Amino acid sequence: MTDRLIFLSGVATSTDFMEPIRDVLVSRLESAGRAPLVSMLMPYGDWSRRLLAQLNEVRQDLPWRLRRTGHGLTDANGRAGLLAAELGAVHEAGDTIALIGHSAGGVLAVQTAAHLERIGVEGTRIVQIGSPKVPIPAPLRDRTLYIYPTGPNGRIPDPIVRLGSWGGWRRGRYGGPLWNSRQHAPCHIVALPLIGGHADYFRTREPYRNETGQTNLSLTEAAIWQFINPIN
């Protein structure tokens, strides 16, 4: 049995951006007697690449049909489909996959998991960190964790998580359409009392440490660990 951790960065990030969360999760798994295989992917490039080019590629990867209906996939020849094909080619019975994405990487994680389901690889877990909201296909909702920050007075300091929607129409009691803002939401949504904003989920130094000594990284890691351990 192999545990696979796939980390997916968003746009305009440094090459080492997700290394802190990788290191603590791998250390936790190794302490539990597991030896995960880890992939660090930057599907849109790093911060040295033109931002507009990256954003255009994110737009092309958005699950437009999924956004309207809660079902469907992006092109199987796109990033998500190709990554799913690669993972499916090496997948064996009993293997586990966790797709952990920040920002646009979290959107890509959902699409990759949906493609994996399509080719018969089930059970993938998804962690979206500071991602835009996209509808989660029904088979994936119980296996998706969505993390966003909260600040003082309930303020949300990450503008990216305000983008998109989980909403959809449902039939009301008397047959009329009713809008449900969480019609296609993941089952696991966690608001963390973090310091800072979109780029700060994995910070450890001051001032990203609360009054009890917990860092942004430790809070984020604890939420993910609770969700993926044991990965099954």
C-alpha atoms as a PDB file:
ATOM      1  CA  MET A   1       0.000   0.000   0.000  1.00  0.00           C
ATOM      2  CA  THR A   2       1.305   3.429  -0.991  1.00  0.00           C
ATOM      3  CA  ASP A   3       0.253   6.814   0.374  1.00  0.00           C
ATOM      4  CA  ARG A   4       0.554   9.541  -2.236  1.00  0.00           C
ATOM      5  CA  LEU A   5       0.510  13.206  -1.269  1.00  0.00           C
ATOM      6  CA  ILE A   6       0.144  15.574  -4.219  1.00  0.00           C
ATOM      7  CA  PHE A   7       0.677  19.258  -3.431  1.00  0.00           C
ATOM      8  CA  LEU A   8      -0.692  21.728  -5.996  1.00  0.00           C
ATOM      9  CA  SER A   9       0.313  25.385  -5.868  1.00  0.00           C
ATOM     10  CA  GLY A  10      -1.765  28.221  -7.240  1.00  0.00           C
ATOM     11  CA  VAL A  11      -0.596  31.095  -9.411  1.00  0.00           C
ATOM     12  CA  ALA A  12       2.405  33.371  -8.933  1.00  0.00           C
ATOM     13  CA  THR A  13       3.942  31.521  -5.993  1.00  0.00           C
ATOM     14  CA  SER A  14       7.523  30.771  -5.032  1.00  0.00           C
ATOM     15  CA  THR A  15       8.884  27.312  -5.730  1.00  0.00           C
ATOM     16  CA  ASP A  16       9.152  26.565  -2.001  1.00  0.00           C
ATOM     17  CA  PHE A  17       5.730  27.970  -1.049  1.00  0.00           C
ATOM     18  CA  MET A  18       4.128  24.667   0.005  1.00  0.00           C
ATOM     19  CA  GLU A  19       7.252  23.067   1.438  1.00  0.00           C
ATOM     20  CA  PRO A  20       6.361  23.927   5.085  1.00  0.00           C
ATOM     21  CA  ILE A  21       3.032  22.085   4.955  1.00  0.00           C
ATOM     22  CA  ARG A  22       4.655  19.217   3.065  1.00  0.00           C
ATOM     23  CA  ASP A  23       7.368  18.821   5.669  1.00  0.00           C
ATOM     24  CA  VAL A  24       5.060  18.714   8.687  1.00  0.00           C
ATOM     25  CA  LEU A  25       2.581  16.318   7.089  1.00  0.00           C
ATOM     26  CA  VAL A  26       5.313  13.964   5.898  1.00  0.00           C
ATOM     27  CA  SER A  27       6.885  14.039   9.357  1.00  0.00           C
ATOM     28  CA  ARG A  28       3.527  13.147  10.904  1.00  0.00           C
ATOM     29  CA  LEU A  29       3.007  10.240   8.524  1.00  0.00           C
ATOM     30  CA  GLU A  30       6.520   8.930   9.026  1.00  0.00           C
ATOM     31  CA  SER A  31       6.052   9.079  12.793  1.00  0.00           C
ATOM     32  CA  ALA A  32       2.942   6.948  12.279  1.00  0.00           C
ATOM     33  CA  GLY A  33       5.028   4.355  10.451  1.00  0.00           C
ATOM     34  CA  ARG A  34       4.042   5.381   6.936  1.00  0.00           C
ATOM     35  CA  ALA A  35       6.360   6.353   4.079  1.00  0.00           C
ATOM     36  CA  PRO A  36       4.405   8.582   1.679  1.00  0.00           C
ATOM     37  CA  LEU A  37       5.366   9.341  -1.895  1.00  0.00           C
ATOM     38  CA  VAL A  38       5.251  13.103  -2.371  1.00  0.00           C
ATOM     39  CA  SER A  39       4.845  15.238  -5.488  1.00  0.00           C
ATOM     40  CA  MET A  40       5.209  19.019  -5.415  1.00  0.00           C
ATOM     41  CA  LEU A  41       3.532  20.457  -8.504  1.00  0.00           C
ATOM     42  CA  MET A  42       3.278  24.005  -9.818  1.00  0.00           C
ATOM     43  CA  PRO A  43       0.698  23.513 -12.559  1.00  0.00           C
ATOM     44  CA  TYR A  44       0.695  27.184 -13.586  1.00  0.00           C
ATOM     45  CA  GLY A  45       4.361  27.962 -13.039  1.00  0.00           C
ATOM     46  CA  ASP A  46       6.006  30.061 -10.345  1.00  0.00           C
ATOM     47  CA  TRP A  47       6.115  33.791  -9.681  1.00  0.00           C
ATOM     48  CA  SER A  48       8.711  34.329 -12.419  1.00  0.00           C
ATOM     49  CA  ARG A  49       6.081  33.600 -15.073  1.00  0.00           C
ATOM     50  CA  ARG A  50       3.669  36.256 -16.340  1.00  0.00           C
ATOM     51  CA  LEU A  51       0.653  36.458 -14.038  1.00  0.00           C
ATOM     52  CA  LEU A  52      -1.837  37.130 -16.847  1.00  0.00           C
ATOM     53  CA  ALA A  53      -0.748  33.987 -18.663  1.00  0.00           C
ATOM     54  CA  GLN A  54      -1.258  31.959 -15.499  1.00  0.00           C
ATOM     55  CA  LEU A  55      -4.676  33.464 -14.818  1.00  0.00           C
ATOM     56  CA  ASN A  56      -5.772  32.698 -18.369  1.00  0.00           C
ATOM     57  CA  GLU A  57      -4.805  29.061 -17.862  1.00  0.00           C
ATOM     58  CA  VAL A  58      -6.728  28.942 -14.589  1.00  0.00           C
ATOM     59  CA  ARG A  59      -9.784  30.302 -16.404  1.00  0.00           C
ATOM     60  CA  GLN A  60      -9.467  27.544 -19.000  1.00  0.00           C
ATOM     61  CA  ASP A  61      -9.274  24.941 -16.224  1.00  0.00           C
ATOM     62  CA  LEU A  62     -12.415  26.129 -14.436  1.00  0.00           C
ATOM     63  CA  PRO A  63     -15.144  23.470 -14.589  1.00  0.00           C
ATOM     64  CA  TRP A  64     -17.750  25.507 -16.463  1.00  0.00           C
ATOM     65  CA  ARG A  65     -20.263  22.680 -16.854  1.00  0.00           C
ATOM     66  CA  LEU A  66     -19.659  21.652 -13.264  1.00  0.00           C
ATOM     67  CA  ARG A  67     -20.273  25.253 -12.179  1.00  0.00           C
ATOM     68  CA  ARG A  68     -23.722  25.217 -13.771  1.00  0.00           C
ATOM     69  CA  THR A  69     -24.951  21.749 -12.870  1.00  0.00           C
ATOM     70  CA  GLY A  70     -22.771  20.244 -10.163  1.00  0.00           C
ATOM     71  CA  HIS A  71     -21.694  17.503 -12.570  1.00  0.00           C
ATOM     72  CA  GLY A  72     -19.247  17.083 -15.417  1.00  0.00           C
ATOM     73  CA  LEU A  73     -15.540  17.517 -16.025  1.00  0.00           C
ATOM     74  CA  THR A  74     -13.089  19.763 -17.746  1.00  0.00           C
ATOM     75  CA  ASP A  75     -11.290  18.419 -20.818  1.00  0.00           C
ATOM     76  CA  ALA A  76      -9.591  15.080 -20.126  1.00  0.00           C
ATOM     77  CA  ASN A  77      -6.603  16.408 -22.088  1.00  0.00           C
ATOM     78  CA  GLY A  78      -6.241  19.352 -19.721  1.00  0.00           C
ATOM     79  CA  ARG A  79      -4.092  19.525 -16.600  1.00  0.00           C
ATOM     80  CA  ALA A  80      -6.506  17.657 -14.346  1.00  0.00           C
ATOM     81  CA  GLY A  81      -7.159  14.883 -16.836  1.00  0.00           C
ATOM     82  CA  LEU A  82      -3.484  14.346 -17.569  1.00  0.00           C
ATOM     83  CA  LEU A  83      -2.541  14.315 -13.882  1.00  0.00           C
ATOM     84  CA  ALA A  84      -5.333  11.851 -13.160  1.00  0.00           C
ATOM     85  CA  ALA A  85      -4.115   9.614 -15.974  1.00  0.00           C
ATOM     86  CA  GLU A  86      -0.580   9.664 -14.548  1.00  0.00           C
ATOM     87  CA  LEU A  87      -1.820   8.799 -11.065  1.00  0.00           C
ATOM     88  CA  GLY A  88      -4.147   6.128 -12.395  1.00  0.00           C
ATOM     89  CA  ALA A  89      -1.329   4.451 -14.314  1.00  0.00           C
ATOM     90  CA  VAL A  90       0.638   3.772 -11.106  1.00  0.00           C
ATOM     91  CA  HIS A  91      -2.313   3.206  -8.788  1.00  0.00           C
ATOM     92  CA  GLU A  92      -2.694  -0.182  -7.157  1.00  0.00           C
ATOM     93  CA  ALA A  93      -5.395  -1.615  -4.929  1.00  0.00           C
ATOM     94  CA  GLY A  94      -5.027  -0.284  -1.402  1.00  0.00           C
ATOM     95  CA  ASP A  95      -3.111   2.852  -2.438  1.00  0.00           C
ATOM     96  CA  THR A  96      -4.324   6.189  -1.107  1.00  0.00           C
ATOM     97  CA  ILE A  97      -4.189   9.595  -2.745  1.00  0.00           C
ATOM     98  CA  ALA A  98      -4.524  12.998  -1.096  1.00  0.00           C
ATOM     99  CA  LEU A  99      -4.607  16.078  -3.331  1.00  0.00           C
ATOM    100  CA  ILE A 100      -3.692  19.189  -1.325  1.00  0.00           C
ATOM    101  CA  GLY A 101      -4.106  22.434  -3.240  1.00  0.00           C
ATOM    102  CA  HIS A 102      -3.708  26.095  -2.386  1.00  0.00           C
ATOM    103  CA  SER A 103      -5.770  28.704  -4.245  1.00  0.00           C
ATOM    104  CA  ALA A 104      -6.205  27.646  -7.896  1.00  0.00           C
ATOM    105  CA  GLY A 105      -4.382  24.442  -7.014  1.00  0.00           C
ATOM    106  CA  GLY A 106      -7.393  23.506  -4.890  1.00  0.00           C
ATOM    107  CA  VAL A 107      -9.703  23.923  -7.877  1.00  0.00           C
ATOM    108  CA  LEU A 108      -7.423  21.686  -9.924  1.00  0.00           C
ATOM    109  CA  ALA A 109      -7.458  19.129  -7.105  1.00  0.00           C
ATOM    110  CA  VAL A 110     -11.250  18.799  -7.364  1.00  0.00           C
ATOM    111  CA  GLN A 111     -11.115  18.298 -11.105  1.00  0.00           C
ATOM    112  CA  THR A 112      -8.272  15.771 -10.826  1.00  0.00           C
ATOM    113  CA  ALA A 113     -10.200  13.742  -8.262  1.00  0.00           C
ATOM    114  CA  ALA A 114     -13.273  13.814 -10.498  1.00  0.00           C
ATOM    115  CA  HIS A 115     -11.216  12.446 -13.402  1.00  0.00           C
ATOM    116  CA  LEU A 116      -9.782   9.755 -11.117  1.00  0.00           C
ATOM    117  CA  GLU A 117     -13.318   8.673 -10.240  1.00  0.00           C
ATOM    118  CA  ARG A 118     -14.115   8.502 -13.937  1.00  0.00           C
ATOM    119  CA  ILE A 119     -11.252   6.077 -14.628  1.00  0.00           C
ATOM    120  CA  GLY A 120     -12.085   3.919 -11.635  1.00  0.00           C
ATOM    121  CA  VAL A 121      -9.697   5.264  -8.979  1.00  0.00           C
ATOM    122  CA  GLU A 122     -11.916   5.964  -5.987  1.00  0.00           C
ATOM    123  CA  GLY A 123     -11.343   7.268  -2.480  1.00  0.00           C
ATOM    124  CA  THR A 124      -9.148  10.278  -3.276  1.00  0.00           C
ATOM    125  CA  ARG A 125      -9.173  12.927  -0.567  1.00  0.00           C
ATOM    126  CA  ILE A 126      -9.110  16.605  -1.440  1.00  0.00           C
ATOM    127  CA  VAL A 127      -7.866  19.520   0.652  1.00  0.00           C
ATOM    128  CA  GLN A 128      -8.595  23.019  -0.641  1.00  0.00           C
ATOM    129  CA  ILE A 129      -6.734  25.814   1.121  1.00  0.00           C
ATOM    130  CA  GLY A 130      -7.773  29.389   0.363  1.00  0.00           C
ATOM    131  CA  SER A 131      -9.390  28.324  -2.907  1.00  0.00           C
ATOM    132  CA  PRO A 132     -12.157  29.890  -4.948  1.00  0.00           C
ATOM    133  CA  LYS A 133     -15.455  28.102  -4.434  1.00  0.00           C
ATOM    134  CA  VAL A 134     -16.333  25.622  -7.163  1.00  0.00           C
ATOM    135  CA  PRO A 135     -19.171  23.089  -6.994  1.00  0.00           C
ATOM    136  CA  ILE A 136     -17.988  19.738  -5.667  1.00  0.00           C
ATOM    137  CA  PRO A 137     -19.360  16.649  -7.459  1.00  0.00           C
ATOM    138  CA  ALA A 138     -21.608  14.640  -5.149  1.00  0.00           C
ATOM    139  CA  PRO A 139     -19.284  11.596  -4.848  1.00  0.00           C
ATOM    140  CA  LEU A 140     -16.444  13.849  -3.679  1.00  0.00           C
ATOM    141  CA  ARG A 141     -18.197  16.042  -1.120  1.00  0.00           C
ATOM    142  CA  ASP A 142     -17.591  13.809   1.882  1.00  0.00           C
ATOM    143  CA  ARG A 143     -13.929  13.530   0.914  1.00  0.00           C
ATOM    144  CA  THR A 144     -13.267  17.248   0.470  1.00  0.00           C
ATOM    145  CA  LEU A 145     -11.944  19.608   3.145  1.00  0.00           C
ATOM    146  CA  TYR A 146     -12.189  23.361   2.534  1.00  0.00           C
ATOM    147  CA  ILE A 147     -10.022  25.633   4.702  1.00  0.00           C
ATOM    148  CA  TYR A 148     -10.370  29.404   4.931  1.00  0.00           C
ATOM    149  CA  PRO A 149      -9.229  32.022   7.476  1.00  0.00           C
ATOM    150  CA  THR A 150     -11.239  34.176   9.817  1.00  0.00           C
ATOM    151  CA  GLY A 151     -10.043  37.314  11.518  1.00  0.00           C
ATOM    152  CA  PRO A 152     -11.417  39.567  14.240  1.00  0.00           C
ATOM    153  CA  ASN A 153     -15.199  40.054  14.262  1.00  0.00           C
ATOM    154  CA  GLY A 154     -15.638  37.247  11.740  1.00  0.00           C
ATOM    155  CA  ARG A 155     -13.873  39.142   8.980  1.00  0.00           C
ATOM    156  CA  ILE A 156     -12.500  36.946   6.163  1.00  0.00           C
ATOM    157  CA  PRO A 157      -9.031  38.295   5.302  1.00  0.00           C
ATOM    158  CA  ASP A 158      -8.558  36.155   2.180  1.00  0.00           C
ATOM    159  CA  PRO A 159     -10.333  37.722  -0.830  1.00  0.00           C
ATOM    160  CA  ILE A 160      -9.818  34.615  -2.995  1.00  0.00           C
ATOM    161  CA  VAL A 161     -12.223  32.506  -0.926  1.00  0.00           C
ATOM    162  CA  ARG A 162     -14.973  35.019  -1.718  1.00  0.00           C
ATOM    163  CA  LEU A 163     -14.727  34.120  -5.407  1.00  0.00           C
ATOM    164  CA  GLY A 164     -16.969  31.525  -7.006  1.00  0.00           C
ATOM    165  CA  SER A 165     -19.974  29.725  -5.588  1.00  0.00           C
ATOM    166  CA  TRP A 166     -21.252  26.417  -4.233  1.00  0.00           C
ATOM    167  CA  GLY A 167     -24.802  27.469  -4.940  1.00  0.00           C
ATOM    168  CA  GLY A 168     -27.459  25.761  -6.994  1.00  0.00           C
ATOM    169  CA  TRP A 169     -31.181  25.585  -7.528  1.00  0.00           C
ATOM    170  CA  ARG A 170     -33.382  22.997  -5.876  1.00  0.00           C
ATOM    171  CA  ARG A 171     -37.079  22.308  -6.011  1.00  0.00           C
ATOM    172  CA  GLY A 172     -38.968  23.925  -3.147  1.00  0.00           C
ATOM    173  CA  ARG A 173     -41.751  22.482  -1.037  1.00  0.00           C
ATOM    174  CA  TYR A 174     -44.423  23.633  -3.480  1.00  0.00           C
ATOM    175  CA  GLY A 175     -42.466  22.846  -6.639  1.00  0.00           C
ATOM    176  CA  GLY A 176     -40.907  26.255  -7.179  1.00  0.00           C
ATOM    177  CA  PRO A 177     -37.146  26.802  -7.535  1.00  0.00           C
ATOM    178  CA  LEU A 178     -35.188  27.752  -4.419  1.00  0.00           C
ATOM    179  CA  TRP A 179     -31.581  28.913  -4.336  1.00  0.00           C
ATOM    180  CA  ASN A 180     -29.304  27.029  -1.946  1.00  0.00           C
ATOM    181  CA  SER A 181     -25.929  28.713  -1.453  1.00  0.00           C
ATOM    182  CA  ARG A 182     -24.398  25.396  -0.331  1.00  0.00           C
ATOM    183  CA  GLN A 183     -26.073  23.074  -2.793  1.00  0.00           C
ATOM    184  CA  HIS A 184     -22.702  21.795  -4.062  1.00  0.00           C
ATOM    185  CA  ALA A 185     -20.513  22.559  -1.039  1.00  0.00           C
ATOM    186  CA  PRO A 186     -17.957  20.160   0.446  1.00  0.00           C
ATOM    187  CA  CYS A 187     -19.020  18.369   3.616  1.00  0.00           C
ATOM    188  CA  HIS A 188     -15.976  19.529   5.581  1.00  0.00           C
ATOM    189  CA  ILE A 189     -15.533  23.305   5.860  1.00  0.00           C
ATOM    190  CA  VAL A 190     -13.133  24.666   8.473  1.00  0.00           C
ATOM    191  CA  ALA A 191     -12.593  28.316   9.383  1.00  0.00           C
ATOM    192  CA  LEU A 192      -9.226  28.856  11.067  1.00  0.00           C
ATOM    193  CA  PRO A 193      -8.325  31.903  13.191  1.00  0.00           C
ATOM    194  CA  LEU A 194      -5.243  32.764  11.156  1.00  0.00           C
ATOM    195  CA  ILE A 195      -3.170  35.926  11.064  1.00  0.00           C
ATOM    196  CA  GLY A 196      -2.743  37.500   7.654  1.00  0.00           C
ATOM    197  CA  GLY A 197      -4.347  36.619   4.351  1.00  0.00           C
ATOM    198  CA  HIS A 198      -4.153  34.544   1.206  1.00  0.00           C
ATOM    199  CA  ALA A 199      -0.397  33.965   1.207  1.00  0.00           C
ATOM    200  CA  ASP A 200      -0.065  33.279   4.938  1.00  0.00           C
ATOM    201  CA  TYR A 201      -1.545  29.835   5.668  1.00  0.00           C
ATOM    202  CA  PHE A 202       1.892  28.257   6.087  1.00  0.00           C
ATOM    203  CA  ARG A 203       3.688  31.003   8.048  1.00  0.00           C
ATOM    204  CA  THR A 204       5.601  30.185  11.222  1.00  0.00           C
ATOM    205  CA  ARG A 205       7.546  33.295  12.203  1.00  0.00           C
ATOM    206  CA  GLU A 206       6.272  36.396  13.951  1.00  0.00           C
ATOM    207  CA  PRO A 207       3.763  37.982  13.599  1.00  0.00           C
ATOM    208  CA  TYR A 208       1.954  34.827  12.405  1.00  0.00           C
ATOM    209  CA  ARG A 209       1.710  33.364  15.901  1.00  0.00           C
ATOM    210  CA  ASN A 210      -1.306  33.756  18.161  1.00  0.00           C
ATOM    211  CA  GLU A 211      -1.412  34.497  21.893  1.00  0.00           C
ATOM    212  CA  THR A 212      -1.148  30.787  22.749  1.00  0.00           C
ATOM    213  CA  GLY A 213       1.943  30.309  20.584  1.00  0.00           C
ATOM    214  CA  GLN A 214       0.201  28.521  17.699  1.00  0.00           C
ATOM    215  CA  THR A 215       1.416  29.454  14.249  1.00  0.00           C
ATOM    216  CA  ASN A 216      -0.630  29.658  11.074  1.00  0.00           C
ATOM    217  CA  LEU A 217       1.182  26.539   9.862  1.00  0.00           C
ATOM    218  CA  SER A 218       0.404  24.543  12.992  1.00  0.00           C
ATOM    219  CA  LEU A 219      -3.306  25.409  12.797  1.00  0.00           C
ATOM    220  CA  THR A 220      -3.510  24.591   9.101  1.00  0.00           C
ATOM    221  CA  GLU A 221      -1.573  21.362   9.497  1.00  0.00           C
ATOM    222  CA  ALA A 222      -3.715  20.203  12.438  1.00  0.00           C
ATOM    223  CA  ALA A 223      -6.913  20.630  10.392  1.00  0.00           C
ATOM    224  CA  ILE A 224      -5.462  18.694   7.459  1.00  0.00           C
ATOM    225  CA  TRP A 225      -4.034  15.947   9.654  1.00  0.00           C
ATOM    226  CA  GLN A 226      -7.356  15.375  11.362  1.00  0.00           C
ATOM    227  CA  PHE A 227      -8.937  14.987   7.938  1.00  0.00           C
ATOM    228  CA  ILE A 228      -6.428  12.684   6.223  1.00  0.00           C
ATOM    229  CA  ASN A 229      -5.243  10.501   9.118  1.00  0.00           C
ATOM    230  CA  PRO A 230      -5.553   7.694   8.674  1.00  0.00           C
ATOM    231  CA  ILE A 231      -5.827   8.061   4.900  1.00  0.00           C
ATOM    232  CA  ASN A 232      -8.304   5.409   3.874  1.00  0.00           C
END
